């Protein structure tokens, strides 16, 4: 059936010395991202701003406390695994803390920036990740048929 509501979430690419912190989702049974490499992030909790959500999620998933995350864009996903999502995409260059060795979702890895697009990513990530290098804000819509990417549209500001 139709899914009327939108799930709100954040996504963050933590950057350091020409590397991006990625998580290989290979641990949780029935993980919708199983086998894929993703940035960090997750769903909003009640009353959170995007900034509060992304700071909390990065800390929960990595042990790192990010400062001044930068908002680059908004992603709309339709019918991704049967749900509709709004995802706020951030980068963070300023952080402190020690990276967790064990996380429930999978394995954390500092990946060289020029290798990120070679990882097994979602099709949509291949499209929007290069936009993070631009100065312009983006709002993009990615249409999926469950886990099959159909098409996208984007506006830059």
N, C-alpha and C. Protein backbone atom coordinates (compact mmCIF):
# COMPACT_ATOMS: atom_id res chain seq x y z
N UNK A 1 0.82 -1.21 0.00
CA UNK A 1 0.00 0.00 0.00
C UNK A 1 0.85 1.26 0.00
N UNK A 2 0.18 2.38 -0.05
CA UNK A 2 0.88 3.66 -0.10
C UNK A 2 1.40 4.02 1.28
N UNK A 3 2.58 4.62 1.32
CA UNK A 3 3.16 5.06 2.60
C UNK A 3 3.01 6.57 2.66
N UNK A 4 2.06 7.07 3.45
CA UNK A 4 1.76 8.50 3.37
C UNK A 4 2.79 9.40 4.04
N UNK A 5 3.44 8.92 5.09
CA UNK A 5 4.30 9.83 5.85
C UNK A 5 5.76 9.74 5.40
N UNK A 6 6.54 10.73 5.81
CA UNK A 6 7.95 10.77 5.47
C UNK A 6 8.75 10.47 6.73
N UNK A 7 9.80 9.69 6.58
CA UNK A 7 10.74 9.45 7.68
C UNK A 7 11.83 10.51 7.57
N UNK A 8 12.13 11.19 8.68
CA UNK A 8 13.16 12.22 8.70
C UNK A 8 14.46 11.63 9.21
N UNK A 9 15.56 11.93 8.51
CA UNK A 9 16.85 11.38 8.92
C UNK A 9 17.98 12.32 8.53
N UNK A 10 19.16 12.03 9.09
CA UNK A 10 20.37 12.78 8.74
C UNK A 10 21.42 11.81 8.22
N UNK A 11 22.37 12.38 7.49
CA UNK A 11 23.47 11.61 6.94
C UNK A 11 24.70 12.50 7.03
N UNK A 12 25.82 11.95 7.52
CA UNK A 12 27.01 12.77 7.70
C UNK A 12 28.25 12.07 7.18
N UNK A 13 29.06 12.84 6.46
CA UNK A 13 30.36 12.36 5.99
C UNK A 13 31.42 13.10 6.77
N UNK A 14 32.04 12.37 7.73
CA UNK A 14 33.09 12.95 8.56
C UNK A 14 34.40 12.86 7.77
N UNK A 15 35.12 14.00 7.70
CA UNK A 15 36.31 14.11 6.84
C UNK A 15 37.56 14.36 7.67
N UNK A 16 38.66 13.74 7.23
CA UNK A 16 39.95 13.94 7.90
C UNK A 16 41.08 13.59 6.95
N UNK A 17 42.00 14.51 6.73
CA UNK A 17 43.23 14.23 5.97
C UNK A 17 42.99 13.50 4.66
N UNK A 18 42.03 13.97 3.87
CA UNK A 18 41.77 13.34 2.58
C UNK A 18 41.05 12.01 2.67
N UNK A 19 40.45 11.73 3.82
CA UNK A 19 39.70 10.49 4.02
C UNK A 19 38.28 10.81 4.50
N UNK A 20 37.37 9.89 4.25
CA UNK A 20 35.98 10.01 4.71
C UNK A 20 35.64 8.80 5.56
N UNK A 21 34.99 9.05 6.69
CA UNK A 21 34.60 7.94 7.57
C UNK A 21 33.36 7.27 7.01
N UNK A 22 33.51 5.99 6.66
CA UNK A 22 32.40 5.22 6.09
C UNK A 22 32.13 4.01 6.97
N UNK A 23 30.89 3.54 6.93
CA UNK A 23 30.55 2.33 7.67
C UNK A 23 30.10 1.26 6.69
N UNK A 24 30.70 0.07 6.84
CA UNK A 24 30.33 -1.08 6.03
C UNK A 24 29.24 -1.82 6.78
N UNK A 25 28.01 -1.77 6.24
CA UNK A 25 26.87 -2.33 6.95
C UNK A 25 26.83 -3.84 6.74
N UNK A 26 27.43 -4.57 7.66
CA UNK A 26 27.56 -6.02 7.43
C UNK A 26 27.25 -6.84 8.67
N UNK A 27 26.57 -6.24 9.66
CA UNK A 27 26.39 -6.97 10.92
C UNK A 27 24.95 -7.24 11.29
N UNK A 28 24.09 -6.23 11.10
CA UNK A 28 22.75 -6.36 11.66
C UNK A 28 21.85 -7.18 10.74
N UNK A 29 21.20 -8.23 11.28
CA UNK A 29 20.28 -9.00 10.41
C UNK A 29 19.14 -8.11 9.93
N UNK A 30 18.71 -8.29 8.71
CA UNK A 30 17.62 -7.51 8.11
C UNK A 30 17.92 -6.01 8.02
N UNK A 31 19.19 -5.63 8.05
CA UNK A 31 19.57 -4.24 7.83
C UNK A 31 19.20 -3.89 6.39
N UNK A 32 18.44 -2.79 6.19
CA UNK A 32 18.06 -2.44 4.82
C UNK A 32 19.29 -2.07 3.99
N UNK A 33 20.40 -1.74 4.67
CA UNK A 33 21.62 -1.34 3.96
C UNK A 33 22.64 -2.47 3.90
N UNK A 34 22.22 -3.72 4.15
CA UNK A 34 23.18 -4.81 4.29
C UNK A 34 24.13 -4.92 3.09
N UNK A 35 25.43 -4.98 3.40
CA UNK A 35 26.45 -5.12 2.37
C UNK A 35 26.90 -3.79 1.77
N UNK A 36 26.15 -2.72 2.02
CA UNK A 36 26.49 -1.43 1.43
C UNK A 36 27.41 -0.63 2.38
N UNK A 37 28.12 0.33 1.79
CA UNK A 37 28.91 1.29 2.57
C UNK A 37 28.14 2.60 2.61
N UNK A 38 28.03 3.18 3.79
CA UNK A 38 27.25 4.41 3.98
C UNK A 38 28.04 5.42 4.80
N UNK A 39 27.56 6.65 4.77
CA UNK A 39 27.98 7.62 5.77
C UNK A 39 27.27 7.30 7.08
N UNK A 40 27.50 8.12 8.10
CA UNK A 40 26.86 7.90 9.39
C UNK A 40 25.57 8.69 9.47
N UNK A 41 24.67 8.24 10.35
CA UNK A 41 23.43 9.01 10.51
C UNK A 41 22.28 8.12 10.91
N UNK A 42 21.10 8.71 10.91
CA UNK A 42 19.93 7.95 11.31
C UNK A 42 18.73 8.86 11.50
N UNK A 43 17.69 8.27 12.07
CA UNK A 43 16.40 8.95 12.18
C UNK A 43 16.38 9.98 13.31
N UNK A 44 15.59 11.02 13.08
CA UNK A 44 15.35 12.05 14.10
C UNK A 44 14.66 11.44 15.31
N UNK A 45 15.01 11.94 16.49
CA UNK A 45 14.20 11.68 17.67
C UNK A 45 13.29 12.88 17.87
N UNK A 46 12.26 12.68 18.66
CA UNK A 46 11.22 13.70 18.85
C UNK A 46 11.82 15.05 19.26
N UNK A 47 11.47 16.10 18.51
CA UNK A 47 11.88 17.45 18.87
C UNK A 47 13.28 17.84 18.47
N UNK A 48 14.02 16.96 17.79
CA UNK A 48 15.39 17.30 17.41
C UNK A 48 15.43 18.17 16.16
N UNK A 49 16.42 19.05 16.13
CA UNK A 49 16.75 19.75 14.90
C UNK A 49 17.66 18.84 14.07
N UNK A 50 17.82 19.14 12.77
CA UNK A 50 18.76 18.34 11.98
C UNK A 50 20.16 18.32 12.59
N UNK A 51 20.62 19.47 13.10
CA UNK A 51 21.96 19.54 13.69
C UNK A 51 22.06 18.67 14.94
N UNK A 52 21.04 18.74 15.80
CA UNK A 52 21.06 17.91 17.01
C UNK A 52 21.05 16.42 16.65
N UNK A 53 20.24 16.07 15.66
CA UNK A 53 20.16 14.67 15.24
C UNK A 53 21.49 14.17 14.70
N UNK A 54 22.11 14.96 13.82
CA UNK A 54 23.34 14.47 13.19
C UNK A 54 24.48 14.36 14.20
N UNK A 55 24.56 15.29 15.14
CA UNK A 55 25.60 15.23 16.18
C UNK A 55 25.39 13.99 17.05
N UNK A 56 24.15 13.73 17.45
CA UNK A 56 23.85 12.55 18.28
C UNK A 56 24.13 11.26 17.51
N UNK A 57 23.65 11.19 16.28
CA UNK A 57 23.82 9.96 15.51
C UNK A 57 25.29 9.64 15.24
N UNK A 58 26.08 10.65 14.88
CA UNK A 58 27.51 10.40 14.64
C UNK A 58 28.18 9.91 15.92
N UNK A 59 27.82 10.53 17.04
CA UNK A 59 28.39 10.11 18.32
C UNK A 59 27.99 8.66 18.64
N UNK A 60 26.69 8.34 18.46
CA UNK A 60 26.23 6.98 18.77
C UNK A 60 26.90 5.94 17.87
N UNK A 61 27.10 6.28 16.60
CA UNK A 61 27.60 5.30 15.64
C UNK A 61 29.13 5.21 15.59
N UNK A 62 29.82 6.26 16.09
CA UNK A 62 31.28 6.28 15.91
C UNK A 62 32.07 6.60 17.17
N UNK A 63 31.42 7.19 18.18
CA UNK A 63 32.15 7.65 19.36
C UNK A 63 32.76 9.03 19.18
N UNK A 64 32.60 9.63 18.00
CA UNK A 64 33.17 10.95 17.74
C UNK A 64 32.13 12.04 17.98
N UNK A 65 32.58 13.14 18.58
CA UNK A 65 31.72 14.31 18.76
C UNK A 65 32.08 15.32 17.68
N UNK A 66 31.15 15.58 16.76
CA UNK A 66 31.42 16.53 15.68
C UNK A 66 31.02 17.93 16.10
N UNK A 67 31.75 18.91 15.59
CA UNK A 67 31.45 20.32 15.85
C UNK A 67 31.14 21.01 14.53
N UNK A 68 30.17 21.92 14.57
CA UNK A 68 29.81 22.72 13.39
C UNK A 68 29.64 21.89 12.12
N UNK A 69 28.76 20.88 12.16
CA UNK A 69 28.50 20.14 10.92
C UNK A 69 27.92 21.09 9.88
N UNK A 70 28.31 20.89 8.63
CA UNK A 70 27.84 21.77 7.56
C UNK A 70 26.76 21.08 6.73
N UNK A 71 25.61 21.74 6.62
CA UNK A 71 24.49 21.20 5.85
C UNK A 71 24.70 21.51 4.37
N UNK A 72 24.72 20.46 3.55
CA UNK A 72 24.95 20.62 2.11
C UNK A 72 23.69 20.49 1.28
N UNK A 73 22.72 19.72 1.78
CA UNK A 73 21.56 19.50 0.95
C UNK A 73 20.49 18.67 1.62
N UNK A 74 19.39 18.55 0.90
CA UNK A 74 18.24 17.76 1.35
C UNK A 74 17.94 16.73 0.27
N UNK A 75 17.81 15.48 0.69
CA UNK A 75 17.49 14.40 -0.24
C UNK A 75 16.09 13.88 0.07
N UNK A 76 15.31 13.72 -0.97
CA UNK A 76 14.00 13.10 -0.85
C UNK A 76 14.07 11.74 -1.54
N UNK A 77 13.72 10.70 -0.81
CA UNK A 77 13.71 9.35 -1.39
C UNK A 77 12.27 8.85 -1.40
N UNK A 78 11.79 8.43 -2.56
CA UNK A 78 10.44 7.87 -2.63
C UNK A 78 10.52 6.36 -2.76
N UNK A 79 9.67 5.68 -1.99
CA UNK A 79 9.54 4.23 -2.03
C UNK A 79 10.89 3.51 -1.95
N UNK A 80 11.77 4.01 -1.09
CA UNK A 80 13.03 3.32 -0.84
C UNK A 80 12.76 2.21 0.16
N UNK A 81 12.82 0.97 -0.30
CA UNK A 81 12.49 -0.19 0.54
C UNK A 81 11.09 -0.02 1.15
N UNK A 82 10.20 0.64 0.41
CA UNK A 82 8.82 0.77 0.85
C UNK A 82 8.53 1.98 1.72
N UNK A 83 9.53 2.84 1.94
CA UNK A 83 9.30 4.05 2.74
C UNK A 83 9.72 5.29 1.98
N UNK A 84 9.17 6.43 2.42
CA UNK A 84 9.56 7.74 1.89
C UNK A 84 10.42 8.43 2.94
N UNK A 85 11.52 9.03 2.50
CA UNK A 85 12.48 9.62 3.43
C UNK A 85 12.84 11.05 3.01
N UNK A 86 13.04 11.92 4.00
CA UNK A 86 13.75 13.19 3.82
C UNK A 86 15.06 13.04 4.59
N UNK A 87 16.17 13.25 3.90
CA UNK A 87 17.47 13.08 4.54
C UNK A 87 18.30 14.35 4.39
N UNK A 88 18.70 14.93 5.53
CA UNK A 88 19.58 16.10 5.56
C UNK A 88 21.02 15.62 5.50
N UNK A 89 21.79 16.11 4.52
CA UNK A 89 23.16 15.63 4.31
C UNK A 89 24.17 16.66 4.80
N UNK A 90 25.06 16.21 5.68
CA UNK A 90 26.09 17.05 6.28
C UNK A 90 27.48 16.52 5.99
N UNK A 91 28.47 17.42 6.11
CA UNK A 91 29.85 16.99 6.30
C UNK A 91 30.32 17.58 7.63
N UNK A 92 31.37 16.97 8.18
CA UNK A 92 31.98 17.47 9.41
C UNK A 92 33.49 17.31 9.29
N UNK A 93 34.21 18.41 9.50
CA UNK A 93 35.67 18.37 9.45
C UNK A 93 36.28 18.53 10.84
N UNK A 94 35.47 18.96 11.79
CA UNK A 94 35.95 19.28 13.13
C UNK A 94 35.31 18.31 14.11
N UNK A 95 36.12 17.50 14.78
CA UNK A 95 35.56 16.51 15.70
C UNK A 95 36.59 16.14 16.75
N UNK A 96 36.10 15.49 17.80
CA UNK A 96 37.01 14.97 18.83
C UNK A 96 36.48 13.62 19.31
N UNK A 97 37.35 12.90 20.01
CA UNK A 97 36.95 11.61 20.56
C UNK A 97 37.74 10.49 19.93
N UNK A 98 37.49 9.29 20.42
CA UNK A 98 38.17 8.11 19.89
C UNK A 98 37.19 7.24 19.15
N UNK A 99 37.57 6.83 17.95
CA UNK A 99 36.70 6.02 17.11
C UNK A 99 36.42 4.68 17.78
N UNK A 100 35.13 4.31 17.84
CA UNK A 100 34.75 3.01 18.38
C UNK A 100 35.31 1.90 17.49
N UNK A 101 35.79 0.85 18.12
CA UNK A 101 36.30 -0.30 17.36
C UNK A 101 35.16 -1.23 16.95
N UNK A 102 34.18 -1.35 17.83
CA UNK A 102 33.05 -2.24 17.56
C UNK A 102 31.76 -1.44 17.53
N UNK A 103 31.03 -1.51 16.42
CA UNK A 103 29.71 -0.87 16.37
C UNK A 103 28.70 -1.89 15.87
N UNK A 104 27.44 -1.77 16.35
CA UNK A 104 26.43 -2.79 16.03
C UNK A 104 26.15 -2.93 14.53
N UNK A 105 26.23 -1.82 13.78
CA UNK A 105 25.81 -1.85 12.38
C UNK A 105 26.85 -2.46 11.44
N UNK A 106 28.13 -2.38 11.82
CA UNK A 106 29.14 -2.87 10.90
C UNK A 106 30.51 -2.36 11.26
N UNK A 107 31.32 -2.11 10.24
CA UNK A 107 32.72 -1.76 10.44
C UNK A 107 32.97 -0.33 9.98
N UNK A 108 33.60 0.47 10.84
CA UNK A 108 33.94 1.85 10.49
C UNK A 108 35.31 1.88 9.83
N UNK A 109 35.43 2.65 8.76
CA UNK A 109 36.71 2.72 8.08
C UNK A 109 36.95 4.10 7.49
N UNK A 110 38.17 4.65 7.73
CA UNK A 110 38.57 5.89 7.05
C UNK A 110 38.97 5.52 5.62
N UNK A 111 38.17 5.94 4.67
CA UNK A 111 38.37 5.58 3.27
C UNK A 111 38.96 6.77 2.52
N UNK A 112 40.04 6.57 1.74
CA UNK A 112 40.56 7.68 0.94
C UNK A 112 39.45 8.27 0.07
N UNK A 113 39.37 9.61 0.02
CA UNK A 113 38.30 10.27 -0.71
C UNK A 113 38.17 9.78 -2.14
N UNK A 114 39.31 9.51 -2.79
CA UNK A 114 39.24 9.11 -4.20
C UNK A 114 38.84 7.64 -4.38
N UNK A 115 38.61 6.93 -3.27
CA UNK A 115 38.16 5.54 -3.36
C UNK A 115 36.70 5.35 -2.95
N UNK A 116 36.12 6.40 -2.38
CA UNK A 116 34.76 6.27 -1.84
C UNK A 116 33.76 5.81 -2.92
N UNK A 117 33.85 6.40 -4.10
CA UNK A 117 32.88 6.07 -5.15
C UNK A 117 33.07 4.66 -5.72
N UNK A 118 34.20 4.01 -5.39
CA UNK A 118 34.42 2.63 -5.83
C UNK A 118 33.80 1.60 -4.88
N UNK A 119 33.35 2.05 -3.71
CA UNK A 119 32.74 1.13 -2.74
C UNK A 119 31.36 0.70 -3.24
N UNK A 120 30.85 -0.43 -2.71
CA UNK A 120 29.46 -0.79 -3.03
C UNK A 120 28.50 0.17 -2.32
N UNK A 121 28.11 1.22 -3.03
CA UNK A 121 27.22 2.24 -2.49
C UNK A 121 25.83 2.07 -3.11
N UNK A 122 24.84 2.73 -2.50
CA UNK A 122 23.54 2.85 -3.16
C UNK A 122 23.74 3.71 -4.42
N UNK A 123 22.94 3.42 -5.45
CA UNK A 123 23.05 4.18 -6.71
C UNK A 123 22.92 5.68 -6.48
N UNK A 124 22.03 6.07 -5.59
CA UNK A 124 21.82 7.50 -5.33
C UNK A 124 23.06 8.15 -4.71
N UNK A 125 23.81 7.41 -3.89
CA UNK A 125 25.01 7.96 -3.27
C UNK A 125 26.06 8.29 -4.32
N UNK A 126 26.15 7.42 -5.34
CA UNK A 126 27.08 7.68 -6.46
C UNK A 126 26.76 9.02 -7.11
N UNK A 127 25.47 9.36 -7.14
CA UNK A 127 25.03 10.60 -7.79
C UNK A 127 25.32 11.82 -6.91
N UNK A 128 24.94 11.77 -5.62
CA UNK A 128 25.03 13.00 -4.82
C UNK A 128 26.37 13.23 -4.12
N UNK A 129 27.17 12.18 -3.91
CA UNK A 129 28.43 12.39 -3.20
C UNK A 129 29.33 13.44 -3.86
N UNK A 130 29.46 13.45 -5.19
CA UNK A 130 30.30 14.50 -5.80
C UNK A 130 29.77 15.92 -5.54
N UNK A 131 28.48 16.06 -5.29
CA UNK A 131 27.92 17.40 -5.03
C UNK A 131 28.44 18.00 -3.73
N UNK A 132 28.95 17.17 -2.82
CA UNK A 132 29.44 17.68 -1.54
C UNK A 132 30.66 18.57 -1.73
N UNK A 133 31.34 18.42 -2.86
CA UNK A 133 32.53 19.24 -3.14
C UNK A 133 32.14 20.62 -3.67
N UNK A 134 30.89 20.79 -4.03
CA UNK A 134 30.43 22.08 -4.56
C UNK A 134 30.01 23.01 -3.43
N UNK A 135 30.00 24.29 -3.73
CA UNK A 135 29.59 25.27 -2.73
C UNK A 135 28.07 25.39 -2.65
N UNK A 136 27.37 24.95 -3.71
CA UNK A 136 25.94 25.19 -3.75
C UNK A 136 25.16 24.17 -2.92
N UNK A 137 24.05 24.64 -2.35
CA UNK A 137 23.12 23.79 -1.63
C UNK A 137 22.29 23.02 -2.66
N UNK A 138 21.95 21.78 -2.35
CA UNK A 138 21.15 21.02 -3.30
C UNK A 138 19.90 20.43 -2.64
N UNK A 139 18.87 20.28 -3.45
CA UNK A 139 17.68 19.56 -3.04
C UNK A 139 17.39 18.58 -4.16
N UNK A 140 17.44 17.28 -3.82
CA UNK A 140 17.31 16.25 -4.85
C UNK A 140 16.24 15.25 -4.47
N UNK A 141 15.62 14.70 -5.49
CA UNK A 141 14.63 13.64 -5.29
C UNK A 141 15.10 12.40 -6.02
N UNK A 142 15.15 11.30 -5.29
CA UNK A 142 15.56 10.02 -5.85
C UNK A 142 14.38 9.06 -5.78
N UNK A 143 13.95 8.61 -6.93
CA UNK A 143 12.83 7.67 -6.99
C UNK A 143 13.36 6.24 -7.04
N UNK A 144 12.87 5.43 -6.10
CA UNK A 144 13.24 4.03 -6.03
C UNK A 144 11.99 3.17 -6.19
N UNK A 145 12.21 1.94 -6.62
CA UNK A 145 11.16 0.94 -6.56
C UNK A 145 11.69 -0.11 -5.60
N UNK A 146 11.40 0.09 -4.32
CA UNK A 146 11.97 -0.69 -3.21
C UNK A 146 13.49 -0.55 -3.14
N UNK A 147 14.28 -1.42 -3.80
CA UNK A 147 15.72 -1.20 -3.74
C UNK A 147 16.32 -0.95 -5.11
N UNK A 148 15.45 -0.73 -6.09
CA UNK A 148 15.92 -0.47 -7.46
C UNK A 148 15.81 1.03 -7.76
N UNK A 149 16.93 1.64 -8.10
CA UNK A 149 16.97 3.07 -8.40
C UNK A 149 16.31 3.31 -9.76
N UNK A 150 15.39 4.27 -9.82
CA UNK A 150 14.71 4.57 -11.09
C UNK A 150 15.29 5.82 -11.73
N UNK A 151 15.17 6.97 -11.04
CA UNK A 151 15.70 8.22 -11.61
C UNK A 151 15.81 9.26 -10.50
N UNK A 152 16.34 10.42 -10.88
CA UNK A 152 16.44 11.51 -9.90
C UNK A 152 16.29 12.85 -10.59
N UNK A 153 15.99 13.87 -9.77
CA UNK A 153 15.96 15.25 -10.22
C UNK A 153 16.62 16.07 -9.13
N UNK A 154 17.29 17.17 -9.51
CA UNK A 154 17.98 17.98 -8.50
C UNK A 154 17.90 19.47 -8.85
N UNK A 155 17.82 20.28 -7.81
CA UNK A 155 17.93 21.73 -7.95
C UNK A 155 19.11 22.18 -7.10
N UNK A 156 19.93 23.07 -7.66
CA UNK A 156 21.06 23.64 -6.91
C UNK A 156 20.77 25.11 -6.60
N UNK A 157 21.19 25.55 -5.41
CA UNK A 157 20.91 26.92 -4.97
C UNK A 157 22.17 27.66 -4.61
